[in-house]
Each structure stands twice: as C-alpha cells, then as structure tokens.
C-alpha atoms as a PDB file:
ATOM      1  CA  MET A   1      44.024  48.195 172.669  1.00  0.00           C
ATOM      2  CA  LYS A   2      45.395  51.310 170.995  1.00  0.00           C
ATOM      3  CA  PRO A   3      43.292  54.506 171.109  1.00  0.00           C
ATOM      4  CA  ALA A   4      40.762  55.259 168.393  1.00  0.00           C
ATOM      5  CA  ILE A   5      42.090  56.656 165.138  1.00  0.00           C
ATOM      6  CA  GLU A   6      41.556  60.397 164.874  1.00  0.00           C
ATOM      7  CA  SER A   7      43.845  61.481 162.026  1.00  0.00           C
ATOM      8  CA  LEU A   8      43.605  60.049 158.528  1.00  0.00           C
ATOM      9  CA  GLY A   9      45.948  60.393 155.585  1.00  0.00           C
ATOM     10  CA  ILE A  10      45.019  59.479 152.028  1.00  0.00           C
ATOM     11  CA  VAL A  11      47.452  58.959 149.168  1.00  0.00           C
ATOM     12  CA  GLY A  12      45.735  59.762 145.881  1.00  0.00           C
ATOM     13  CA  GLY A  13      43.143  62.452 145.234  1.00  0.00           C
ATOM     14  CA  GLY A  14      41.168  60.765 142.460  1.00  0.00           C
ATOM     15  CA  PHE A  15      37.495  59.810 142.615  1.00  0.00           C
ATOM     16  CA  MET A  16      37.985  57.239 145.358  1.00  0.00           C
ATOM     17  CA  GLY A  17      40.507  59.218 147.383  1.00  0.00           C
ATOM     18  CA  SER A  18      38.318  62.327 147.290  1.00  0.00           C
ATOM     19  CA  GLY A  19      35.234  60.316 148.238  1.00  0.00           C
ATOM     20  CA  ILE A  20      36.983  58.632 151.167  1.00  0.00           C
ATOM     21  CA  ALA A  21      38.238  62.020 152.367  1.00  0.00           C
ATOM     22  CA  GLU A  22      34.742  63.506 152.290  1.00  0.00           C
ATOM     23  CA  SER A  23      33.254  60.466 153.995  1.00  0.00           C
ATOM     24  CA  ALA A  24      35.823  60.563 156.811  1.00  0.00           C
ATOM     25  CA  ALA A  25      35.405  64.319 157.277  1.00  0.00           C
ATOM     26  CA  ARG A  26      31.638  63.850 157.528  1.00  0.00           C
ATOM     27  CA  GLY A  27      32.411  61.430 160.345  1.00  0.00           C
ATOM     28  CA  GLY A  28      34.403  64.071 162.201  1.00  0.00           C
ATOM     29  CA  MET A  29      37.892  62.945 161.208  1.00  0.00           C
ATOM     30  CA  THR A  30      40.799  65.248 160.399  1.00  0.00           C
ATOM     31  CA  VAL A  31      41.909  64.292 156.889  1.00  0.00           C
ATOM     32  CA  LEU A  32      45.030  65.091 154.892  1.00  0.00           C
ATOM     33  CA  VAL A  33      45.023  64.156 151.200  1.00  0.00           C
ATOM     34  CA  CYS A  34      48.391  63.752 149.485  1.00  0.00           C
ATOM     35  CA  GLU A  35      48.175  64.269 145.721  1.00  0.00           C
ATOM     36  CA  PRO A  36      51.528  64.964 144.027  1.00  0.00           C
ATOM     37  CA  VAL A  37      50.083  65.591 140.545  1.00  0.00           C
ATOM     38  CA  ALA A  38      49.331  69.321 140.282  1.00  0.00           C
ATOM     39  CA  ALA A  39      46.288  69.033 137.996  1.00  0.00           C
ATOM     40  CA  GLN A  40      44.758  66.255 140.095  1.00  0.00           C
ATOM     41  CA  PHE A  41      45.531  68.202 143.284  1.00  0.00           C
ATOM     42  CA  GLU A  42      43.153  71.006 142.317  1.00  0.00           C
ATOM     43  CA  ARG A  43      40.562  68.655 140.856  1.00  0.00           C
ATOM     44  CA  SER A  44      40.466  66.686 144.108  1.00  0.00           C
ATOM     45  CA  ARG A  45      39.683  69.813 146.096  1.00  0.00           C
ATOM     46  CA  GLU A  46      37.069  70.918 143.546  1.00  0.00           C
ATOM     47  CA  ARG A  47      35.508  67.459 143.486  1.00  0.00           C
ATOM     48  CA  VAL A  48      34.950  67.458 147.247  1.00  0.00           C
ATOM     49  CA  GLU A  49      33.632  71.030 147.212  1.00  0.00           C
ATOM     50  CA  ALA A  50      31.172  70.180 144.427  1.00  0.00           C
ATOM     51  CA  SER A  51      29.994  67.020 146.191  1.00  0.00           C
ATOM     52  CA  VAL A  52      29.436  68.873 149.464  1.00  0.00           C
ATOM     53  CA  ALA A  53      27.596  71.669 147.637  1.00  0.00           C
ATOM     54  CA  ARG A  54      25.276  69.100 146.033  1.00  0.00           C
ATOM     55  CA  ALA A  55      24.590  67.577 149.453  1.00  0.00           C
ATOM     56  CA  VAL A  56      23.653  71.002 150.842  1.00  0.00           C
ATOM     57  CA  GLU A  57      21.428  71.731 147.844  1.00  0.00           C
ATOM     58  CA  ALA A  58      19.684  68.382 148.291  1.00  0.00           C
ATOM     59  CA  GLY A  59      19.064  69.094 151.962  1.00  0.00           C
ATOM     60  CA  LYS A  60      21.303  66.241 153.118  1.00  0.00           C
ATOM     61  CA  LEU A  61      23.800  68.556 154.789  1.00  0.00           C
ATOM     62  CA  GLU A  62      23.334  71.849 156.632  1.00  0.00           C
ATOM     63  CA  ALA A  63      25.476  74.798 155.510  1.00  0.00           C
ATOM     64  CA  PRO A  64      27.337  75.172 158.857  1.00  0.00           C
ATOM     65  CA  GLU A  65      28.063  71.440 158.846  1.00  0.00           C
ATOM     66  CA  ALA A  66      29.364  71.675 155.286  1.00  0.00           C
ATOM     67  CA  GLU A  67      31.673  74.527 156.252  1.00  0.00           C
ATOM     68  CA  ALA A  68      33.036  72.566 159.215  1.00  0.00           C
ATOM     69  CA  LEU A  69      33.503  69.530 156.990  1.00  0.00           C
ATOM     70  CA  GLY A  70      35.579  71.559 154.554  1.00  0.00           C
ATOM     71  CA  GLU A  71      37.816  72.770 157.359  1.00  0.00           C
ATOM     72  CA  ARG A  72      38.597  69.194 158.382  1.00  0.00           C
ATOM     73  CA  ILE A  73      40.168  68.327 154.995  1.00  0.00           C
ATOM     74  CA  SER A  74      43.505  69.649 153.794  1.00  0.00           C
ATOM     75  CA  TRP A  75      45.629  68.818 150.756  1.00  0.00           C
ATOM     76  CA  SER A  76      49.355  68.533 150.185  1.00  0.00           C
ATOM     77  CA  PRO A  77      51.563  67.494 147.258  1.00  0.00           C
ATOM     78  CA  GLU A  78      54.189  66.083 149.654  1.00  0.00           C
ATOM     79  CA  LEU A  79      54.065  62.533 151.026  1.00  0.00           C
ATOM     80  CA  ASP A  80      56.113  63.671 154.038  1.00  0.00           C
ATOM     81  CA  SER A  81      53.088  65.684 155.183  1.00  0.00           C
ATOM     82  CA  LEU A  82      51.421  62.410 156.240  1.00  0.00           C
ATOM     83  CA  ALA A  83      54.109  61.583 158.819  1.00  0.00           C
ATOM     84  CA  GLY A  84      51.870  62.224 161.831  1.00  0.00           C
ATOM     85  CA  CYS A  85      48.800  60.296 160.625  1.00  0.00           C
ATOM     86  CA  GLU A  86      47.538  57.304 162.604  1.00  0.00           C
ATOM     87  CA  LEU A  87      46.035  55.637 159.529  1.00  0.00           C
ATOM     88  CA  VAL A  88      46.969  56.160 155.890  1.00  0.00           C
ATOM     89  CA  ILE A  89      44.780  54.764 153.118  1.00  0.00           C
ATOM     90  CA  GLU A  90      46.438  54.322 149.733  1.00  0.00           C
ATOM     91  CA  ALA A  91      44.061  55.087 146.851  1.00  0.00           C
ATOM     92  CA  VAL A  92      46.310  55.275 143.788  1.00  0.00           C
ATOM     93  CA  ILE A  93      45.882  53.411 140.495  1.00  0.00           C
ATOM     94  CA  GLU A  94      45.218  49.663 140.565  1.00  0.00           C
ATOM     95  CA  ASP A  95      48.821  48.698 139.824  1.00  0.00           C
ATOM     96  CA  PRO A  96      50.682  46.479 142.328  1.00  0.00           C
ATOM     97  CA  GLN A  97      54.062  48.044 141.560  1.00  0.00           C
ATOM     98  CA  VAL A  98      52.814  51.605 142.048  1.00  0.00           C
ATOM     99  CA  LYS A  99      50.929  50.681 145.210  1.00  0.00           C
ATOM    100  CA  GLY A 100      53.903  48.734 146.549  1.00  0.00           C
ATOM    101  CA  GLU A 101      56.224  51.694 146.134  1.00  0.00           C
ATOM    102  CA  VAL A 102      53.751  53.896 148.030  1.00  0.00           C
ATOM    103  CA  PHE A 103      53.629  51.319 150.833  1.00  0.00           C
ATOM    104  CA  HIS A 104      57.426  51.213 150.993  1.00  0.00           C
ATOM    105  CA  GLN A 105      57.667  55.000 151.316  1.00  0.00           C
ATOM    106  CA  LEU A 106      54.892  55.161 153.915  1.00  0.00           C
ATOM    107  CA  ASP A 107      56.527  52.422 155.976  1.00  0.00           C
ATOM    108  CA  ARG A 108      59.694  54.485 156.286  1.00  0.00           C
ATOM    109  CA  LEU A 109      57.788  57.694 156.984  1.00  0.00           C
ATOM    110  CA  LEU A 110      55.040  56.824 159.475  1.00  0.00           C
ATOM    111  CA  GLY A 111      55.252  56.307 163.220  1.00  0.00           C
ATOM    112  CA  PRO A 112      55.644  52.739 164.527  1.00  0.00           C
ATOM    113  CA  GLU A 113      51.993  52.340 165.564  1.00  0.00           C
ATOM    114  CA  ALA A 114      50.473  53.785 162.387  1.00  0.00           C
ATOM    115  CA  LEU A 115      48.385  51.561 160.128  1.00  0.00           C
ATOM    116  CA  ILE A 116      48.724  51.381 156.354  1.00  0.00           C
ATOM    117  CA  ALA A 117      45.662  50.340 154.367  1.00  0.00           C
ATOM    118  CA  SER A 118      44.958  49.912 150.681  1.00  0.00           C
ATOM    119  CA  ASN A 119      41.719  50.698 148.906  1.00  0.00           C
ATOM    120  CA  THR A 120      42.589  48.052 146.311  1.00  0.00           C
ATOM    121  CA  SER A 121      39.641  46.194 144.839  1.00  0.00           C
ATOM    122  CA  SER A 122      41.571  43.048 143.944  1.00  0.00           C
ATOM    123  CA  ILE A 123      45.311  43.007 144.735  1.00  0.00           C
ATOM    124  CA  PRO A 124      46.284  40.582 147.549  1.00  0.00           C
ATOM    125  CA  ILE A 125      47.161  42.433 150.752  1.00  0.00           C
ATOM    126  CA  ALA A 126      50.069  40.094 151.500  1.00  0.00           C
ATOM    127  CA  GLN A 127      51.652  41.248 148.243  1.00  0.00           C
ATOM    128  CA  LEU A 128      51.415  44.906 149.287  1.00  0.00           C
ATOM    129  CA  ALA A 129      52.455  44.213 152.890  1.00  0.00           C
ATOM    130  CA  SER A 130      55.656  42.592 151.614  1.00  0.00           C
ATOM    131  CA  TRP A 131      56.902  46.081 150.696  1.00  0.00           C
ATOM    132  CA  THR A 132      56.921  47.026 154.400  1.00  0.00           C
ATOM    133  CA  GLU A 133      58.482  46.066 157.724  1.00  0.00           C
ATOM    134  CA  ARG A 134      55.129  46.387 159.524  1.00  0.00           C
ATOM    135  CA  ARG A 135      53.162  43.561 157.980  1.00  0.00           C
ATOM    136  CA  ASP A 136      51.040  43.132 161.103  1.00  0.00           C
ATOM    137  CA  ARG A 137      49.801  46.732 160.680  1.00  0.00           C
ATOM    138  CA  VAL A 138      48.760  46.440 157.036  1.00  0.00           C
ATOM    139  CA  LEU A 139      45.281  45.564 155.766  1.00  0.00           C
ATOM    140  CA  GLY A 140      42.835  46.261 152.985  1.00  0.00           C
ATOM    141  CA  MET A 141      40.050  48.824 153.361  1.00  0.00           C
ATOM    142  CA  HIS A 142      38.031  48.528 150.180  1.00  0.00           C
ATOM    143  CA  PHE A 143      35.501  51.351 149.888  1.00  0.00           C
ATOM    144  CA  PHE A 144      32.844  51.396 147.170  1.00  0.00           C
ATOM    145  CA  SER A 145      32.088  54.201 144.729  1.00  0.00           C
ATOM    146  CA  PRO A 146      30.921  56.824 145.468  1.00  0.00           C
ATOM    147  CA  ALA A 147      32.659  56.432 148.832  1.00  0.00           C
ATOM    148  CA  GLN A 148      30.851  59.382 150.413  1.00  0.00           C
ATOM    149  CA  VAL A 149      27.527  57.633 149.759  1.00  0.00           C
ATOM    150  CA  MET A 150      28.111  53.877 149.830  1.00  0.00           C
ATOM    151  CA  LYS A 151      28.015  52.415 153.344  1.00  0.00           C
ATOM    152  CA  LEU A 152      30.101  49.277 152.867  1.00  0.00           C
ATOM    153  CA  VAL A 153      33.809  48.788 153.572  1.00  0.00           C
ATOM    154  CA  GLU A 154      35.505  45.432 153.088  1.00  0.00           C
ATOM    155  CA  LEU A 155      38.227  44.931 155.701  1.00  0.00           C
ATOM    156  CA  VAL A 156      40.765  42.565 154.181  1.00  0.00           C
ATOM    157  CA  VAL A 157      42.881  40.700 156.712  1.00  0.00           C
ATOM    158  CA  GLY A 158      46.246  39.602 155.345  1.00  0.00           C
ATOM    159  CA  ILE A 159      48.134  36.536 156.500  1.00  0.00           C
ATOM    160  CA  GLU A 160      50.165  38.663 158.948  1.00  0.00           C
ATOM    161  CA  THR A 161      47.564  41.320 159.821  1.00  0.00           C
ATOM    162  CA  SER A 162      47.128  41.440 163.603  1.00  0.00           C
ATOM    163  CA  GLU A 163      43.759  41.273 165.314  1.00  0.00           C
ATOM    164  CA  GLN A 164      44.502  44.635 166.909  1.00  0.00           C
ATOM    165  CA  THR A 165      44.988  46.174 163.464  1.00  0.00           C
ATOM    166  CA  TYR A 166      41.668  44.755 162.315  1.00  0.00           C
ATOM    167  CA  GLU A 167      39.853  46.056 165.396  1.00  0.00           C
ATOM    168  CA  ARG A 168      41.333  49.559 165.028  1.00  0.00           C
ATOM    169  CA  ALA A 169      40.355  49.678 161.355  1.00  0.00           C
ATOM    170  CA  LYS A 170      36.870  48.406 162.151  1.00  0.00           C
ATOM    171  CA  GLY A 171      36.497  51.063 164.843  1.00  0.00           C
ATOM    172  CA  PHE A 172      37.537  53.729 162.353  1.00  0.00           C
ATOM    173  CA  ALA A 173      35.076  52.486 159.711  1.00  0.00           C
ATOM    174  CA  GLU A 174      32.206  52.446 162.181  1.00  0.00           C
ATOM    175  CA  ALA A 175      33.155  55.890 163.517  1.00  0.00           C
ATOM    176  CA  ILE A 176      32.630  57.399 160.051  1.00  0.00           C
ATOM    177  CA  GLY A 177      29.293  55.654 159.597  1.00  0.00           C
ATOM    178  CA  LYS A 178      30.325  52.653 157.514  1.00  0.00           C
ATOM    179  CA  THR A 179      29.355  49.003 157.824  1.00  0.00           C
ATOM    180  CA  ALA A 180      32.486  46.858 157.849  1.00  0.00           C
ATOM    181  CA  ILE A 181      32.606  43.254 156.682  1.00  0.00           C
ATOM    182  CA  ARG A 182      35.617  41.014 157.241  1.00  0.00           C
ATOM    183  CA  THR A 183      37.207  38.977 154.488  1.00  0.00           C
ATOM    184  CA  LYS A 184      40.308  36.874 154.163  1.00  0.00           C
ATOM    185  CA  ASP A 185      43.005  37.918 151.747  1.00  0.00           C
ATOM    186  CA  ARG A 186      42.384  36.651 148.261  1.00  0.00           C
ATOM    187  CA  SER A 187      42.001  38.524 145.020  1.00  0.00           C
ATOM    188  CA  GLY A 188      38.545  40.075 144.653  1.00  0.00           C
ATOM    189  CA  PHE A 189      37.678  39.649 148.344  1.00  0.00           C
ATOM    190  CA  ILE A 190      33.895  39.116 148.778  1.00  0.00           C
ATOM    191  CA  VAL A 191      32.047  41.559 146.548  1.00  0.00           C
ATOM    192  CA  ASN A 192      34.161  41.427 143.395  1.00  0.00           C
ATOM    193  CA  MET A 193      34.485  37.641 143.566  1.00  0.00           C
ATOM    194  CA  LEU A 194      30.707  37.516 143.191  1.00  0.00           C
ATOM    195  CA  LEU A 195      30.143  40.614 141.058  1.00  0.00           C
ATOM    196  CA  VAL A 196      32.817  40.342 138.359  1.00  0.00           C
ATOM    197  CA  PRO A 197      31.616  37.071 136.739  1.00  0.00           C
ATOM    198  CA  TYR A 198      28.130  38.589 136.417  1.00  0.00           C
ATOM    199  CA  LEU A 199      29.475  41.785 134.847  1.00  0.00           C
ATOM    200  CA  MET A 200      31.756  39.912 132.457  1.00  0.00           C
ATOM    201  CA  ALA A 201      28.843  37.694 131.389  1.00  0.00           C
ATOM    202  CA  GLY A 202      27.029  40.879 130.385  1.00  0.00           C
ATOM    203  CA  VAL A 203      30.064  42.138 128.453  1.00  0.00           C
ATOM    204  CA  ARG A 204      30.425  38.812 126.610  1.00  0.00           C
ATOM    205  CA  MET A 205      26.722  38.744 125.760  1.00  0.00           C
ATOM    206  CA  TYR A 206      27.060  42.204 124.218  1.00  0.00           C
ATOM    207  CA  GLU A 207      30.382  41.352 122.533  1.00  0.00           C
ATOM    208  CA  GLU A 208      28.843  38.302 120.855  1.00  0.00           C
ATOM    209  CA  GLY A 209      25.923  40.341 119.509  1.00  0.00           C
ATOM    210  CA  PHE A 210      23.391  38.372 121.521  1.00  0.00           C
ATOM    211  CA  ALA A 211      21.530  41.535 122.599  1.00  0.00           C
ATOM    212  CA  THR A 212      21.923  45.303 122.685  1.00  0.00           C
ATOM    213  CA  ALA A 213      23.415  47.054 125.708  1.00  0.00           C
ATOM    214  CA  GLU A 214      20.034  48.618 126.417  1.00  0.00           C
ATOM    215  CA  ASP A 215      18.188  45.297 126.362  1.00  0.00           C
ATOM    216  CA  ILE A 216      20.784  43.545 128.517  1.00  0.00           C
ATOM    217  CA  ASP A 217      20.525  46.285 131.122  1.00  0.00           C
ATOM    218  CA  GLN A 218      16.738  46.523 130.953  1.00  0.00           C
ATOM    219  CA  GLY A 219      16.512  42.775 131.385  1.00  0.00           C
ATOM    220  CA  MET A 220      18.372  42.860 134.689  1.00  0.00           C
ATOM    221  CA  LYS A 221      16.713  46.036 135.964  1.00  0.00           C
ATOM    222  CA  LEU A 222      13.145  44.998 135.226  1.00  0.00           C
ATOM    223  CA  GLY A 223      13.552  41.230 135.447  1.00  0.00           C
ATOM    224  CA  ALA A 224      15.837  40.976 138.480  1.00  0.00           C
ATOM    225  CA  ALA A 225      15.096  44.305 140.227  1.00  0.00           C
ATOM    226  CA  HIS A 226      18.704  45.490 139.938  1.00  0.00           C
ATOM    227  CA  PRO A 227      19.091  49.288 140.237  1.00  0.00           C
ATOM    228  CA  MET A 228      21.562  49.252 137.330  1.00  0.00           C
ATOM    229  CA  GLY A 229      22.161  46.786 134.533  1.00  0.00           C
ATOM    230  CA  PRO A 230      25.579  45.104 134.164  1.00  0.00           C
ATOM    231  CA  LEU A 231      26.857  47.344 131.371  1.00  0.00           C
ATOM    232  CA  GLU A 232      25.668  50.522 133.085  1.00  0.00           C
ATOM    233  CA  LEU A 233      27.436  49.342 136.215  1.00  0.00           C
ATOM    234  CA  CYS A 234      30.623  48.602 134.277  1.00  0.00           C
ATOM    235  CA  ASP A 235      30.603  52.173 132.988  1.00  0.00           C
ATOM    236  CA  PHE A 236      29.928  53.489 136.482  1.00  0.00           C
ATOM    237  CA  ILE A 237      32.782  51.542 138.092  1.00  0.00           C
ATOM    238  CA  GLY A 238      35.214  52.350 135.281  1.00  0.00           C
ATOM    239  CA  LEU A 239      36.247  49.912 132.564  1.00  0.00           C
ATOM    240  CA  ASP A 240      39.929  50.451 133.348  1.00  0.00           C
ATOM    241  CA  VAL A 241      39.331  49.527 136.980  1.00  0.00           C
ATOM    242  CA  LEU A 242      37.305  46.465 136.000  1.00  0.00           C
ATOM    243  CA  TYR A 243      39.973  45.325 133.566  1.00  0.00           C
ATOM    244  CA  ALA A 244      42.603  45.498 136.320  1.00  0.00           C
ATOM    245  CA  VAL A 245      40.320  43.585 138.701  1.00  0.00           C
ATOM    246  CA  CYS A 246      39.635  40.883 136.094  1.00  0.00           C
ATOM    247  CA  ASP A 247      43.336  40.588 135.373  1.00  0.00           C
ATOM    248  CA  SER A 248      44.109  40.115 139.062  1.00  0.00           C
ATOM    249  CA  LEU A 249      41.321  37.577 139.574  1.00  0.00           C
ATOM    250  CA  TYR A 250      42.288  35.553 136.519  1.00  0.00           C
ATOM    251  CA  GLU A 251      45.964  35.619 137.494  1.00  0.00           C
ATOM    252  CA  GLU A 252      45.132  34.141 140.896  1.00  0.00           C
ATOM    253  CA  PHE A 253      42.369  31.649 140.067  1.00  0.00           C
ATOM    254  CA  LYS A 254      42.753  30.880 136.333  1.00  0.00           C
ATOM    255  CA  ARG A 255      38.980  30.572 135.933  1.00  0.00           C
ATOM    256  CA  ASP A 256      37.391  31.536 132.621  1.00  0.00           C
ATOM    257  CA  GLU A 257      34.649  33.600 134.252  1.00  0.00           C
ATOM    258  CA  TYR A 258      37.287  36.062 135.497  1.00  0.00           C
ATOM    259  CA  ALA A 259      39.137  36.464 132.188  1.00  0.00           C
ATOM    260  CA  PRO A 260      38.607  39.955 130.731  1.00  0.00           C
ATOM    261  CA  PRO A 261      36.795  39.702 127.366  1.00  0.00           C
ATOM    262  CA  PRO A 262      38.749  41.000 124.335  1.00  0.00           C
ATOM    263  CA  LEU A 263      36.228  43.817 123.868  1.00  0.00           C
ATOM    264  CA  LEU A 264      36.918  45.124 127.368  1.00  0.00           C
ATOM    265  CA  LYS A 265      40.649  45.285 126.683  1.00  0.00           C
ATOM    266  CA  ARG A 266      40.121  47.122 123.387  1.00  0.00           C
ATOM    267  CA  MET A 267      37.841  49.667 125.018  1.00  0.00           C
ATOM    268  CA  VAL A 268      40.369  50.331 127.776  1.00  0.00           C
ATOM    269  CA  VAL A 269      43.366  50.768 125.455  1.00  0.00           C
ATOM    270  CA  SER A 270      41.202  53.154 123.398  1.00  0.00           C
ATOM    271  CA  GLY A 271      40.555  55.294 126.475  1.00  0.00           C
ATOM    272  CA  HIS A 272      36.883  54.351 126.735  1.00  0.00           C
ATOM    273  CA  PHE A 273      36.628  54.037 130.518  1.00  0.00           C
ATOM    274  CA  GLY A 274      32.903  54.669 130.975  1.00  0.00           C
ATOM    275  CA  ARG A 275      31.347  57.651 132.715  1.00  0.00           C
ATOM    276  CA  LYS A 276      34.591  59.288 133.762  1.00  0.00           C
ATOM    277  CA  SER A 277      35.922  59.464 130.191  1.00  0.00           C
ATOM    278  CA  GLY A 278      32.574  60.204 128.532  1.00  0.00           C
ATOM    279  CA  ARG A 279      32.423  56.959 126.594  1.00  0.00           C
ATOM    280  CA  GLY A 280      31.988  53.301 127.473  1.00  0.00           C
ATOM    281  CA  PHE A 281      29.077  51.037 126.613  1.00  0.00           C
ATOM    282  CA  TYR A 282      27.126  54.303 126.558  1.00  0.00           C
ATOM    283  CA  ASP A 283      28.077  57.930 125.892  1.00  0.00           C
ATOM    284  CA  TYR A 284      28.087  60.486 128.717  1.00  0.00           C
ATOM    285  CA  PRO A 285      28.686  64.214 129.137  1.00  0.00           C
ATOM    286  CA  VAL A 286      32.136  64.654 130.651  1.00  0.00           C
ATOM    287  CA  GLU A 287      31.871  66.486 133.954  1.00  0.00           C
ATOM    288  CA  ARG A 288      34.914  68.192 135.395  1.00  0.00           C
ATOM    289  CA  ASN A 289      33.957  67.255 138.921  1.00  0.00           C
END
C-alpha cells in the first residue's frame, strides 16, 4: 500500500475547486490550486478568504486555525506547478473534451505514482481515463456543493481503476473529514441518478404551468420535509451544471426522465444559471464571492 496522500493539486479555481481546496486545507493538507484564467485566479483566492472569514465569524473556526489554513493553500496560473502533487483533482467545466485535455496534460506531467481524479458529476470515468496512460490510477471524486460544508464524496471506480487507487483516494477523503461512498462508473453515479429525475419533474411541472415555482418548492419543503424545493435546488446547483448532467445521462441511458426540458436549455443559453448569475427560477443578488 502506498503512503497516505499529503499533497493535493486542484485544476480549476471556480466554486467547486475553491471549496475542495478549503475543505482539504481544513483537513491539514497542503493544497496548490492551478487557475490559468487571471480574473478567476484572484476570485478563487478571495472566495476562500471570504468563506474562511465567515466560518470565523460564525464561531466554526478559531482565528489561529484560519490563519494556518490560509497558509496551506497556494495558487498558480501554471499547470507545471502541480508536478510534485500526489493527487490532482480536476474541477474545470463539465465538458468531456476540456476535461480530457486536462487529463492528458496531467498524465505527462505528474510522477508515475500520482493519482488523477475528476470532480465530474456525470461524465464516465473510463472516458476521461482514456486520455491517459495511467488508467489504473484514475477515478472520480465527486464532491458536493458547497464542498467545504458537504460531507459526502462519491468515489467512482472506472473499469480499469485499481483497488489500490480506490483505497488511497478513500484514505484521503476520510483524512479531510469526508464520508466516501463507492460507485461503479456510469453517468450520474449514485446521487445524480436519483436526484436528476426529481429535479427535472419539478422543472417540467413549472414549464407546463401546473404550479408556480413557489408552490412547487413549498410543497416539497412542507409536504416532504425537504430542506429545499426542487427549483430552489436547481438554482443552487447551477442550471448550466444541471443541463450538462442531464445531457450526459440522456446520452448514456436514453430515458425520458433524464432529458433536459426545453425551458432549461433556454434559460442556460440566456445566461440564467441560478444563484451564481443572479437569475434562475428566482432572482438573487449577485455576490462577488
């Protein structure tokens, strides 16, 4: 068994990448975030700083601990900076071509024992592993938003993922305080296979004028004890992310319940992504961090 993972690299400094970085740093890991886009580079740093500050203000983190946490995370615009990492998690946009190219570059850059993981919420791991020469050291590590708060990580074992790779990834997840569940490699994994049909049923109900967004959400919150209604949750996840997940699920299974409703597509092409864009099924103040 290889030693425990101590150094983490993350490709992509968006909401998920920043959240994973903070979560790992809270668990004592040294983290290097690679974000080549200049504007996103600074926003990633600011996002983590703001999240940590909120945790201190809420009494969930002591000031000295927050300072130490900040010192464990560094940022770089260069992918080459990740060369010494033992595990690199890709957290770029939900596009198989973009992710595949990142995997190809990482495969050529990283040491022979390093693991490459994807935070994809729906793309088959075998498809991403095919871009590399280390298919036994590739797996999915699907974190949930916000990653610094949510405890679950889906560990997605591809057709060529070794048991040793799974065990090392599981050890890493547990070391940073997460609960890991194991799933075979198919689009949607466990959670989204179950969640997406429910969310899309809510979108279709709204699209058909059956009920208002407020009443649909109230129905599920008060009638089924859900913390958020389906349309609120869609906005929280991001309509662009959900559309990509639906597309992937429908492509693989060809089941109607996974097909993205026309309204969802129109909202996405209009830039209505939910909370992060300020407009979705509801309107929101746009927060920089």
